Amino acid sequence: MSQNVLLVEDDMFLRAVMAEAVSILGYEVTECPSADQALIALQGVMPFCLVVSDVRMPGRLDGLDLARAIWSQWPELPVILMSGDAALPPALLPSNARFLRKPMDLEAVHGAIDELLA
């Protein structure tokens, strides 16, 4: 049974690139263009092993709001947050969360995923 990663990114091009980067590691990828849709997906029947989310997104929730909801409802679910303009100090994140600054290379993405899902 393959493990499923929830990818949340409003930019269609970046979402496609990130989905490819994650699937290279052998994970199934479920894509969402907004944090609002991601929260609905998380409440569905499909289990996720990891959430990878942009911080700044349109909609009721942004990526940080989504992460906070995950940390409160599914504290064991690892989260990778990404942003090109916001910075999140590691001290603000739970131990099963990472922050990646955009643009990041494939090695940084794979390293964070390997670390969280080891």
N, C-alpha and C. Protein backbone atom coordinates (compact mmCIF):
# COMPACT_ATOMS: atom_id res chain seq x y z
N MET A 1 0.85 -1.20 0.00
CA MET A 1 0.00 0.00 0.00
C MET A 1 0.89 1.24 0.00
N SER A 2 0.66 2.13 -0.96
CA SER A 2 1.52 3.31 -1.04
C SER A 2 1.05 4.40 -0.06
N GLN A 3 1.98 5.21 0.32
CA GLN A 3 1.67 6.31 1.23
C GLN A 3 1.32 7.54 0.43
N ASN A 4 0.40 8.33 0.95
CA ASN A 4 -0.11 9.49 0.23
C ASN A 4 0.33 10.78 0.90
N VAL A 5 0.87 11.70 0.10
CA VAL A 5 1.28 13.03 0.56
C VAL A 5 0.27 14.04 0.05
N LEU A 6 -0.18 14.92 0.94
CA LEU A 6 -1.09 16.00 0.56
C LEU A 6 -0.25 17.23 0.22
N LEU A 7 -0.34 17.69 -1.01
CA LEU A 7 0.43 18.84 -1.49
C LEU A 7 -0.51 20.02 -1.68
N VAL A 8 -0.22 21.13 -0.99
CA VAL A 8 -1.10 22.30 -1.02
C VAL A 8 -0.31 23.49 -1.55
N GLU A 9 -0.66 23.91 -2.77
CA GLU A 9 0.06 25.01 -3.44
C GLU A 9 -0.90 25.65 -4.43
N ASP A 10 -1.05 26.99 -4.34
CA ASP A 10 -2.01 27.66 -5.23
C ASP A 10 -1.45 27.89 -6.63
N ASP A 11 -0.14 27.97 -6.78
CA ASP A 11 0.47 28.17 -8.09
C ASP A 11 0.50 26.84 -8.85
N MET A 12 -0.22 26.78 -9.97
CA MET A 12 -0.38 25.53 -10.70
C MET A 12 0.96 24.95 -11.16
N PHE A 13 1.86 25.80 -11.63
CA PHE A 13 3.16 25.33 -12.11
C PHE A 13 3.99 24.76 -10.95
N LEU A 14 4.07 25.51 -9.85
CA LEU A 14 4.83 25.05 -8.68
C LEU A 14 4.23 23.77 -8.11
N ARG A 15 2.90 23.67 -8.13
CA ARG A 15 2.23 22.47 -7.63
C ARG A 15 2.63 21.26 -8.47
N ALA A 16 2.68 21.42 -9.78
CA ALA A 16 3.06 20.32 -10.67
C ALA A 16 4.52 19.91 -10.43
N VAL A 17 5.41 20.89 -10.27
CA VAL A 17 6.83 20.60 -10.03
C VAL A 17 7.01 19.89 -8.68
N MET A 18 6.33 20.38 -7.64
CA MET A 18 6.44 19.76 -6.32
C MET A 18 5.84 18.35 -6.32
N ALA A 19 4.73 18.17 -7.03
CA ALA A 19 4.11 16.84 -7.10
C ALA A 19 5.10 15.86 -7.73
N GLU A 20 5.80 16.29 -8.76
CA GLU A 20 6.80 15.43 -9.40
C GLU A 20 7.94 15.13 -8.43
N ALA A 21 8.39 16.16 -7.71
CA ALA A 21 9.50 16.00 -6.75
C ALA A 21 9.15 14.98 -5.67
N VAL A 22 7.90 15.01 -5.21
CA VAL A 22 7.46 14.08 -4.16
C VAL A 22 7.25 12.67 -4.72
N SER A 23 6.66 12.59 -5.92
CA SER A 23 6.36 11.27 -6.49
C SER A 23 7.63 10.51 -6.88
N ILE A 24 8.72 11.23 -7.16
CA ILE A 24 10.00 10.58 -7.45
C ILE A 24 10.41 9.66 -6.30
N LEU A 25 10.04 10.04 -5.08
CA LEU A 25 10.39 9.24 -3.89
C LEU A 25 9.44 8.05 -3.69
N GLY A 26 8.47 7.90 -4.58
CA GLY A 26 7.58 6.75 -4.50
C GLY A 26 6.27 6.99 -3.77
N TYR A 27 5.98 8.23 -3.42
CA TYR A 27 4.73 8.55 -2.73
C TYR A 27 3.64 8.90 -3.74
N GLU A 28 2.41 8.56 -3.40
CA GLU A 28 1.26 9.06 -4.15
C GLU A 28 1.08 10.52 -3.71
N VAL A 29 0.60 11.37 -4.61
CA VAL A 29 0.43 12.78 -4.27
C VAL A 29 -1.02 13.19 -4.53
N THR A 30 -1.65 13.79 -3.54
CA THR A 30 -2.97 14.39 -3.69
C THR A 30 -2.74 15.90 -3.69
N GLU A 31 -3.18 16.56 -4.76
CA GLU A 31 -2.93 18.00 -4.90
C GLU A 31 -4.16 18.81 -4.54
N CYS A 32 -3.92 19.92 -3.82
CA CYS A 32 -4.98 20.87 -3.48
C CYS A 32 -4.48 22.28 -3.80
N PRO A 33 -5.32 23.11 -4.44
CA PRO A 33 -4.91 24.47 -4.75
C PRO A 33 -5.12 25.46 -3.60
N SER A 34 -5.72 25.01 -2.49
CA SER A 34 -5.95 25.93 -1.36
C SER A 34 -5.94 25.17 -0.04
N ALA A 35 -5.66 25.91 1.02
CA ALA A 35 -5.68 25.32 2.37
C ALA A 35 -7.10 24.90 2.75
N ASP A 36 -8.09 25.66 2.27
CA ASP A 36 -9.49 25.32 2.56
C ASP A 36 -9.81 23.92 2.02
N GLN A 37 -9.41 23.65 0.75
CA GLN A 37 -9.66 22.34 0.16
C GLN A 37 -8.84 21.25 0.84
N ALA A 38 -7.63 21.62 1.27
CA ALA A 38 -6.76 20.64 1.94
C ALA A 38 -7.39 20.18 3.26
N LEU A 39 -7.99 21.10 4.00
CA LEU A 39 -8.63 20.75 5.27
C LEU A 39 -9.78 19.77 5.03
N ILE A 40 -10.52 19.99 3.95
CA ILE A 40 -11.61 19.07 3.59
C ILE A 40 -11.03 17.69 3.26
N ALA A 41 -9.92 17.66 2.49
CA ALA A 41 -9.28 16.39 2.14
C ALA A 41 -8.79 15.66 3.39
N LEU A 42 -8.23 16.41 4.35
CA LEU A 42 -7.73 15.80 5.58
C LEU A 42 -8.85 15.17 6.41
N GLN A 43 -10.05 15.72 6.29
CA GLN A 43 -11.18 15.21 7.06
C GLN A 43 -11.87 14.04 6.34
N GLY A 44 -11.38 13.71 5.14
CA GLY A 44 -11.96 12.61 4.36
C GLY A 44 -11.42 11.27 4.82
N VAL A 45 -11.66 10.24 4.00
CA VAL A 45 -11.29 8.87 4.37
C VAL A 45 -9.84 8.52 4.04
N MET A 46 -9.23 9.25 3.08
CA MET A 46 -7.86 8.91 2.69
C MET A 46 -6.86 9.35 3.75
N PRO A 47 -6.02 8.42 4.22
CA PRO A 47 -4.99 8.81 5.19
C PRO A 47 -3.78 9.43 4.47
N PHE A 48 -3.18 10.41 5.10
CA PHE A 48 -1.98 11.05 4.56
C PHE A 48 -0.82 10.80 5.52
N CYS A 49 0.37 10.63 4.95
CA CYS A 49 1.56 10.43 5.79
C CYS A 49 2.32 11.73 5.99
N LEU A 50 1.98 12.77 5.18
CA LEU A 50 2.71 14.04 5.20
C LEU A 50 1.88 15.10 4.50
N VAL A 51 1.98 16.35 4.98
CA VAL A 51 1.38 17.49 4.28
C VAL A 51 2.51 18.44 3.92
N VAL A 52 2.54 18.85 2.64
CA VAL A 52 3.51 19.84 2.15
C VAL A 52 2.69 21.03 1.69
N SER A 53 2.91 22.21 2.30
CA SER A 53 2.04 23.35 2.00
C SER A 53 2.82 24.65 1.85
N ASP A 54 2.38 25.44 0.88
CA ASP A 54 2.84 26.82 0.76
C ASP A 54 2.24 27.59 1.95
N VAL A 55 2.90 28.66 2.36
CA VAL A 55 2.37 29.45 3.47
C VAL A 55 1.33 30.45 2.98
N ARG A 56 1.68 31.23 1.97
CA ARG A 56 0.77 32.28 1.49
C ARG A 56 -0.12 31.75 0.35
N MET A 57 -1.44 31.74 0.64
CA MET A 57 -2.40 31.28 -0.36
C MET A 57 -3.70 32.06 -0.20
N PRO A 58 -4.42 32.21 -1.32
CA PRO A 58 -5.73 32.85 -1.22
C PRO A 58 -6.72 31.92 -0.52
N GLY A 59 -7.81 32.48 -0.04
CA GLY A 59 -8.84 31.67 0.61
C GLY A 59 -9.01 32.06 2.07
N ARG A 60 -9.89 31.36 2.73
CA ARG A 60 -10.18 31.63 4.14
C ARG A 60 -8.96 31.32 5.00
N LEU A 61 -8.27 30.22 4.67
CA LEU A 61 -7.10 29.79 5.43
C LEU A 61 -5.84 29.95 4.57
N ASP A 62 -4.73 30.30 5.22
CA ASP A 62 -3.45 30.21 4.51
C ASP A 62 -2.74 28.94 5.01
N GLY A 63 -1.52 28.72 4.53
CA GLY A 63 -0.81 27.50 4.89
C GLY A 63 -0.51 27.38 6.37
N LEU A 64 -0.24 28.51 7.02
CA LEU A 64 0.03 28.47 8.46
C LEU A 64 -1.23 28.12 9.25
N ASP A 65 -2.37 28.67 8.82
CA ASP A 65 -3.65 28.30 9.45
C ASP A 65 -3.90 26.79 9.30
N LEU A 66 -3.61 26.28 8.10
CA LEU A 66 -3.77 24.85 7.85
C LEU A 66 -2.86 24.04 8.78
N ALA A 67 -1.61 24.47 8.89
CA ALA A 67 -0.66 23.76 9.76
C ALA A 67 -1.14 23.77 11.20
N ARG A 68 -1.65 24.90 11.66
CA ARG A 68 -2.15 24.98 13.04
C ARG A 68 -3.33 24.02 13.26
N ALA A 69 -4.20 23.92 12.25
CA ALA A 69 -5.33 22.99 12.35
C ALA A 69 -4.81 21.55 12.42
N ILE A 70 -3.80 21.24 11.61
CA ILE A 70 -3.22 19.90 11.62
C ILE A 70 -2.60 19.61 12.99
N TRP A 71 -1.83 20.58 13.50
CA TRP A 71 -1.15 20.36 14.79
C TRP A 71 -2.15 20.17 15.91
N SER A 72 -3.33 20.77 15.80
CA SER A 72 -4.31 20.59 16.86
C SER A 72 -5.15 19.32 16.67
N GLN A 73 -5.51 18.97 15.43
CA GLN A 73 -6.39 17.82 15.19
C GLN A 73 -5.63 16.51 14.90
N TRP A 74 -4.48 16.62 14.24
CA TRP A 74 -3.69 15.44 13.87
C TRP A 74 -2.23 15.70 14.24
N PRO A 75 -1.91 15.81 15.51
CA PRO A 75 -0.56 16.24 15.94
C PRO A 75 0.56 15.31 15.47
N GLU A 76 0.23 14.07 15.13
CA GLU A 76 1.27 13.14 14.70
C GLU A 76 1.59 13.28 13.20
N LEU A 77 0.78 14.04 12.46
CA LEU A 77 0.96 14.20 11.01
C LEU A 77 2.07 15.21 10.71
N PRO A 78 3.16 14.79 10.04
CA PRO A 78 4.25 15.71 9.73
C PRO A 78 3.83 16.76 8.69
N VAL A 79 4.42 17.95 8.81
CA VAL A 79 4.09 19.07 7.92
C VAL A 79 5.38 19.72 7.44
N ILE A 80 5.44 20.00 6.13
CA ILE A 80 6.50 20.83 5.57
C ILE A 80 5.84 22.10 5.05
N LEU A 81 6.27 23.25 5.56
CA LEU A 81 5.77 24.54 5.10
C LEU A 81 6.82 25.18 4.20
N MET A 82 6.37 25.84 3.14
CA MET A 82 7.27 26.49 2.20
C MET A 82 6.82 27.92 1.97
N SER A 83 7.81 28.82 1.79
CA SER A 83 7.47 30.20 1.45
C SER A 83 8.66 30.90 0.83
N GLY A 84 8.36 31.81 -0.08
CA GLY A 84 9.39 32.63 -0.67
C GLY A 84 9.56 33.95 0.04
N ASP A 85 8.55 34.34 0.84
CA ASP A 85 8.65 35.63 1.51
C ASP A 85 8.46 35.59 3.02
N ALA A 86 7.78 34.58 3.52
CA ALA A 86 7.63 34.46 4.98
C ALA A 86 8.75 33.57 5.50
N ALA A 87 9.19 33.82 6.71
CA ALA A 87 10.20 32.96 7.33
C ALA A 87 9.65 32.46 8.66
N LEU A 88 9.79 31.17 8.90
CA LEU A 88 9.32 30.60 10.15
C LEU A 88 10.52 30.03 10.90
N PRO A 89 10.86 30.61 12.05
CA PRO A 89 11.98 30.08 12.84
C PRO A 89 11.65 28.66 13.32
N PRO A 90 12.63 27.75 13.28
CA PRO A 90 12.40 26.38 13.71
C PRO A 90 11.81 26.28 15.12
N ALA A 91 12.10 27.24 15.99
CA ALA A 91 11.59 27.21 17.36
C ALA A 91 10.07 27.31 17.41
N LEU A 92 9.46 27.88 16.35
CA LEU A 92 8.00 28.01 16.31
C LEU A 92 7.32 26.73 15.83
N LEU A 93 8.10 25.79 15.32
CA LEU A 93 7.52 24.59 14.71
C LEU A 93 7.60 23.39 15.63
N PRO A 94 6.58 22.52 15.58
CA PRO A 94 6.68 21.26 16.31
C PRO A 94 7.84 20.42 15.76
N SER A 95 8.22 19.39 16.48
CA SER A 95 9.37 18.58 16.06
C SER A 95 9.12 17.84 14.75
N ASN A 96 7.85 17.61 14.41
CA ASN A 96 7.56 16.90 13.16
C ASN A 96 7.15 17.88 12.05
N ALA A 97 7.74 19.08 12.06
CA ALA A 97 7.47 20.07 11.01
C ALA A 97 8.79 20.68 10.55
N ARG A 98 8.83 21.06 9.28
CA ARG A 98 10.01 21.72 8.72
C ARG A 98 9.56 22.91 7.90
N PHE A 99 10.45 23.89 7.77
CA PHE A 99 10.20 25.05 6.92
C PHE A 99 11.26 25.08 5.83
N LEU A 100 10.81 25.23 4.59
CA LEU A 100 11.72 25.36 3.45
C LEU A 100 11.49 26.70 2.78
N ARG A 101 12.58 27.41 2.52
CA ARG A 101 12.50 28.71 1.86
C ARG A 101 12.51 28.51 0.34
N LYS A 102 11.56 29.11 -0.34
CA LYS A 102 11.51 29.06 -1.80
C LYS A 102 12.48 30.10 -2.36
N PRO A 103 13.14 29.85 -3.47
CA PRO A 103 13.15 28.58 -4.18
C PRO A 103 14.08 27.59 -3.47
N MET A 104 13.69 26.34 -3.45
CA MET A 104 14.54 25.31 -2.85
C MET A 104 14.85 24.28 -3.92
N ASP A 105 15.92 23.54 -3.70
CA ASP A 105 16.28 22.52 -4.68
C ASP A 105 15.69 21.17 -4.27
N LEU A 106 15.75 20.25 -5.20
CA LEU A 106 15.20 18.92 -5.00
C LEU A 106 15.80 18.24 -3.77
N GLU A 107 17.08 18.45 -3.56
CA GLU A 107 17.78 17.85 -2.42
C GLU A 107 17.17 18.31 -1.09
N ALA A 108 16.83 19.60 -0.99
CA ALA A 108 16.24 20.13 0.24
C ALA A 108 14.86 19.52 0.48
N VAL A 109 14.07 19.40 -0.58
CA VAL A 109 12.73 18.82 -0.47
C VAL A 109 12.83 17.36 -0.05
N HIS A 110 13.67 16.60 -0.75
CA HIS A 110 13.82 15.17 -0.43
C HIS A 110 14.41 14.97 0.96
N GLY A 111 15.35 15.83 1.36
CA GLY A 111 15.94 15.74 2.70
C GLY A 111 14.91 15.93 3.79
N ALA A 112 14.05 16.94 3.62
CA ALA A 112 13.01 17.21 4.62
C ALA A 112 12.01 16.05 4.69
N ILE A 113 11.63 15.52 3.53
CA ILE A 113 10.68 14.40 3.50
C ILE A 113 11.29 13.17 4.16
N ASP A 114 12.53 12.86 3.80
CA ASP A 114 13.22 11.70 4.39
C ASP A 114 13.34 11.83 5.90
N GLU A 115 13.67 13.05 6.36
CA GLU A 115 13.82 13.31 7.80
C GLU A 115 12.50 13.07 8.54
N LEU A 116 11.41 13.58 7.98
CA LEU A 116 10.12 13.49 8.66
C LEU A 116 9.48 12.11 8.56
N LEU A 117 9.80 11.36 7.51
CA LEU A 117 9.15 10.07 7.32
C LEU A 117 10.07 8.89 7.56
N ALA A 118 11.25 9.16 8.13
CA ALA A 118 12.24 8.10 8.38
C ALA A 118 11.68 7.08 9.35
